[in-house]
Amino acid sequence: MNRGTTAPPFRRLSWWVALRAVVWALLFAGTVAVYIPWRYFGVSFVRIRLASLSGVAGLILVAAGVTLMLTCVGEFVARGRGTPAPMDAPRELVVRGPYRVVRNPMYVGMVLTLLGELVFEWSRGFALYIGGWYAIINLVVILYEEPTLRRKFGASYERYVSEVGRWWPLRRPRAR
């Protein structure tokens, strides 16, 4: 990657940036994965039955999703010097951590979290909510985020796109 447009391995953390990132992440994830599922679909962590296979599977998905999202927020703060919020985006292109595997790991983490909740509290409406949310986020990524990153980071972002998949890891040909 071009040294001038990608984040260095580590910078001194800015507590102000970290606070903004945590507040934004709590508002975003709290609304999408906690408030809306609780308010409109009856998802409640109080009723989780950990003795059941589905309860354990749901908990594993939620834990994986939350861990992935928190890791992404940490990468944005430590390496990108910004937050997940579009109005306070990272100043440096983040290509480390989960971003080495897929370009949108924070959204992948949200989908994992929502799918885990769906395992806890199955409903057709909640499944449609998850599908609709993913469709909207996909459009946001394609129509807003990717063009914005192309303008901001140029060739470095183009190389990143060619090396890392949007939602799934790219299969690399084996070296001979």
Protein backbone atom coordinates (compact mmCIF):
# COMPACT_ATOMS: atom_id res chain seq x y z
CA MET A 1 0.00 0.00 0.00
CA ASN A 2 1.09 3.58 -0.58
CA ARG A 3 2.78 4.75 2.59
CA GLY A 4 1.34 8.27 2.36
CA THR A 5 -2.32 7.24 2.37
CA THR A 6 -2.50 4.27 4.71
CA ALA A 7 -2.35 4.36 8.46
CA PRO A 8 0.87 3.52 10.23
CA PRO A 9 0.83 0.43 12.48
CA PHE A 10 0.14 2.45 15.63
CA ARG A 11 -0.33 6.03 16.72
CA ARG A 12 -0.80 7.57 20.10
CA LEU A 13 -4.50 7.26 20.82
CA SER A 14 -6.65 10.36 20.99
CA TRP A 15 -9.14 9.98 23.82
CA TRP A 16 -11.43 12.53 22.17
CA VAL A 17 -11.56 10.48 18.95
CA ALA A 18 -12.07 7.31 21.01
CA LEU A 19 -14.98 8.88 22.91
CA ARG A 20 -16.64 10.03 19.68
CA ALA A 21 -16.16 6.58 18.16
CA VAL A 22 -17.69 4.81 21.17
CA VAL A 23 -20.67 7.19 21.28
CA TRP A 24 -21.34 6.75 17.55
CA ALA A 25 -20.95 2.96 17.73
CA LEU A 26 -23.32 2.77 20.71
CA LEU A 27 -25.91 4.91 18.95
CA PHE A 28 -25.66 2.97 15.69
CA ALA A 29 -25.43 -0.56 17.10
CA GLY A 30 -27.77 0.26 19.95
CA THR A 31 -30.47 1.40 17.55
CA VAL A 32 -30.04 -1.29 14.86
CA ALA A 33 -29.25 -4.32 17.05
CA VAL A 34 -30.85 -3.53 20.42
CA TYR A 35 -33.67 -0.97 20.36
CA ILE A 36 -35.41 -1.89 17.08
CA PRO A 37 -35.23 -5.69 17.67
CA TRP A 38 -36.48 -5.26 21.26
CA ARG A 39 -39.17 -2.68 20.48
CA TYR A 40 -40.61 -4.13 17.29
CA PHE A 41 -39.70 -7.84 17.31
CA GLY A 42 -39.67 -8.83 20.99
CA VAL A 43 -35.99 -9.77 21.15
CA SER A 44 -35.00 -9.94 24.81
CA PHE A 45 -31.71 -11.19 26.20
CA VAL A 46 -33.53 -12.01 29.43
CA ARG A 47 -35.31 -14.93 27.76
CA ILE A 48 -32.22 -16.54 26.24
CA ARG A 49 -32.14 -20.25 26.99
CA LEU A 50 -28.45 -21.13 27.16
CA ALA A 51 -29.31 -24.74 27.93
CA SER A 52 -30.55 -25.12 24.35
CA LEU A 53 -28.40 -25.55 21.27
CA SER A 54 -30.08 -22.58 19.59
CA GLY A 55 -29.40 -20.40 22.64
CA VAL A 56 -25.71 -21.25 22.55
CA ALA A 57 -25.55 -20.78 18.76
CA GLY A 58 -27.28 -17.41 19.02
CA LEU A 59 -24.98 -16.29 21.80
CA ILE A 60 -21.91 -17.30 19.79
CA LEU A 61 -23.15 -15.31 16.77
CA VAL A 62 -23.93 -12.25 18.90
CA ALA A 63 -20.56 -12.45 20.69
CA ALA A 64 -18.70 -12.82 17.37
CA GLY A 65 -20.59 -9.89 15.85
CA VAL A 66 -20.09 -7.58 18.83
CA THR A 67 -16.40 -8.51 19.08
CA LEU A 68 -15.91 -7.83 15.37
CA MET A 69 -17.65 -4.44 15.61
CA LEU A 70 -15.61 -3.42 18.68
CA THR A 71 -12.40 -4.45 16.93
CA CYS A 72 -13.37 -2.31 13.94
CA VAL A 73 -14.05 0.71 16.13
CA GLY A 74 -10.64 0.20 17.75
CA GLU A 75 -8.96 0.08 14.32
CA PHE A 76 -10.72 3.28 13.24
CA VAL A 77 -9.53 5.08 16.37
CA ALA A 78 -5.98 3.68 16.57
CA ARG A 79 -5.03 3.57 12.90
CA GLY A 80 -7.58 5.66 11.06
CA ARG A 81 -7.78 8.55 13.54
CA GLY A 82 -11.55 8.73 13.12
CA THR A 83 -14.87 7.10 13.90
CA PRO A 84 -17.39 4.89 12.08
CA ALA A 85 -19.62 7.96 11.61
CA PRO A 86 -19.72 9.24 8.00
CA MET A 87 -19.42 12.83 9.24
CA ASP A 88 -16.32 11.95 11.32
CA ALA A 89 -14.73 9.28 9.13
CA PRO A 90 -11.15 8.05 9.55
CA ARG A 91 -8.47 10.34 8.16
CA GLU A 92 -6.31 7.36 7.11
CA LEU A 93 -7.29 4.29 5.08
CA VAL A 94 -7.64 1.39 7.52
CA VAL A 95 -6.40 -1.87 5.99
CA ARG A 96 -5.34 -3.81 9.10
CA GLY A 97 -7.10 -6.09 11.53
CA PRO A 98 -10.45 -7.34 10.21
CA TYR A 99 -10.11 -4.93 7.27
CA ARG A 100 -7.40 -7.23 5.84
CA VAL A 101 -10.07 -9.91 5.34
CA VAL A 102 -13.15 -7.96 4.16
CA ARG A 103 -13.70 -4.28 3.39
CA ASN A 104 -16.82 -3.93 5.53
CA PRO A 105 -16.25 -6.00 8.67
CA MET A 106 -18.26 -3.66 10.88
CA TYR A 107 -21.39 -4.34 8.83
CA VAL A 108 -20.56 -8.05 8.78
CA GLY A 109 -20.38 -7.87 12.59
CA MET A 110 -23.80 -6.23 12.69
CA VAL A 111 -25.29 -8.94 10.47
CA LEU A 112 -23.78 -11.65 12.71
CA THR A 113 -25.26 -9.94 15.77
CA LEU A 114 -28.69 -9.64 14.17
CA LEU A 115 -28.61 -13.26 12.99
CA GLY A 116 -27.72 -14.35 16.52
CA GLU A 117 -30.72 -12.42 17.82
CA LEU A 118 -32.87 -14.03 15.13
CA VAL A 119 -31.84 -17.43 16.50
CA PHE A 120 -33.02 -16.28 19.96
CA GLU A 121 -36.32 -14.89 18.78
CA TRP A 122 -37.36 -16.20 15.37
CA SER A 123 -39.94 -14.20 13.47
CA ARG A 124 -40.53 -13.66 9.78
CA GLY A 125 -40.77 -9.91 10.37
CA PHE A 126 -37.40 -9.82 12.12
CA ALA A 127 -35.84 -11.88 9.29
CA LEU A 128 -37.26 -9.37 6.79
CA TYR A 129 -35.87 -6.49 8.90
CA ILE A 130 -32.39 -8.06 8.74
CA GLY A 131 -32.65 -8.62 4.98
CA GLY A 132 -33.91 -5.08 4.43
CA TRP A 133 -31.20 -3.59 6.64
CA TYR A 134 -28.52 -5.52 4.72
CA ALA A 135 -29.96 -4.41 1.36
CA ILE A 136 -29.93 -0.76 2.44
CA ILE A 137 -26.39 -0.99 3.84
CA ASN A 138 -25.24 -2.64 0.62
CA LEU A 139 -26.63 0.31 -1.34
CA VAL A 140 -25.00 2.79 1.05
CA VAL A 141 -21.66 1.04 0.61
CA ILE A 142 -21.89 0.89 -3.19
CA LEU A 143 -23.43 4.31 -3.83
CA TYR A 144 -21.81 6.43 -1.10
CA GLU A 145 -18.95 4.85 0.85
CA GLU A 146 -16.94 3.31 -1.98
CA PRO A 147 -17.07 6.39 -4.27
CA THR A 148 -16.13 8.59 -1.30
CA LEU A 149 -13.16 6.37 -0.41
CA ARG A 150 -12.05 6.29 -4.05
CA ARG A 151 -11.99 10.10 -4.15
CA LYS A 152 -10.28 10.40 -0.78
CA PHE A 153 -7.62 7.68 -1.06
CA GLY A 154 -7.24 7.15 -4.84
CA ALA A 155 -4.82 4.44 -5.97
CA SER A 156 -4.35 3.05 -2.45
CA TYR A 157 -8.06 2.35 -2.20
CA GLU A 158 -8.16 0.85 -5.69
CA ARG A 159 -5.36 -1.57 -4.75
CA TYR A 160 -7.21 -2.40 -1.54
CA VAL A 161 -10.43 -3.13 -3.50
CA SER A 162 -8.53 -5.45 -5.82
CA GLU A 163 -7.03 -7.37 -2.87
CA VAL A 164 -9.93 -7.52 -0.37
CA GLY A 165 -13.56 -8.51 -0.93
CA ARG A 166 -16.48 -6.26 -0.02
CA TRP A 167 -18.39 -8.84 2.07
CA TRP A 168 -16.46 -12.12 1.67
CA PRO A 169 -12.73 -12.83 1.63
CA LEU A 170 -11.33 -13.10 -1.89
CA ARG A 171 -9.88 -16.41 -2.89
CA ARG A 172 -6.28 -15.98 -3.78
CA PRO A 173 -4.72 -18.29 -6.38
CA ARG A 174 -2.11 -20.60 -4.91
CA ALA A 175 1.49 -19.59 -5.50
CA ARG A 176 3.34 -22.08 -7.70
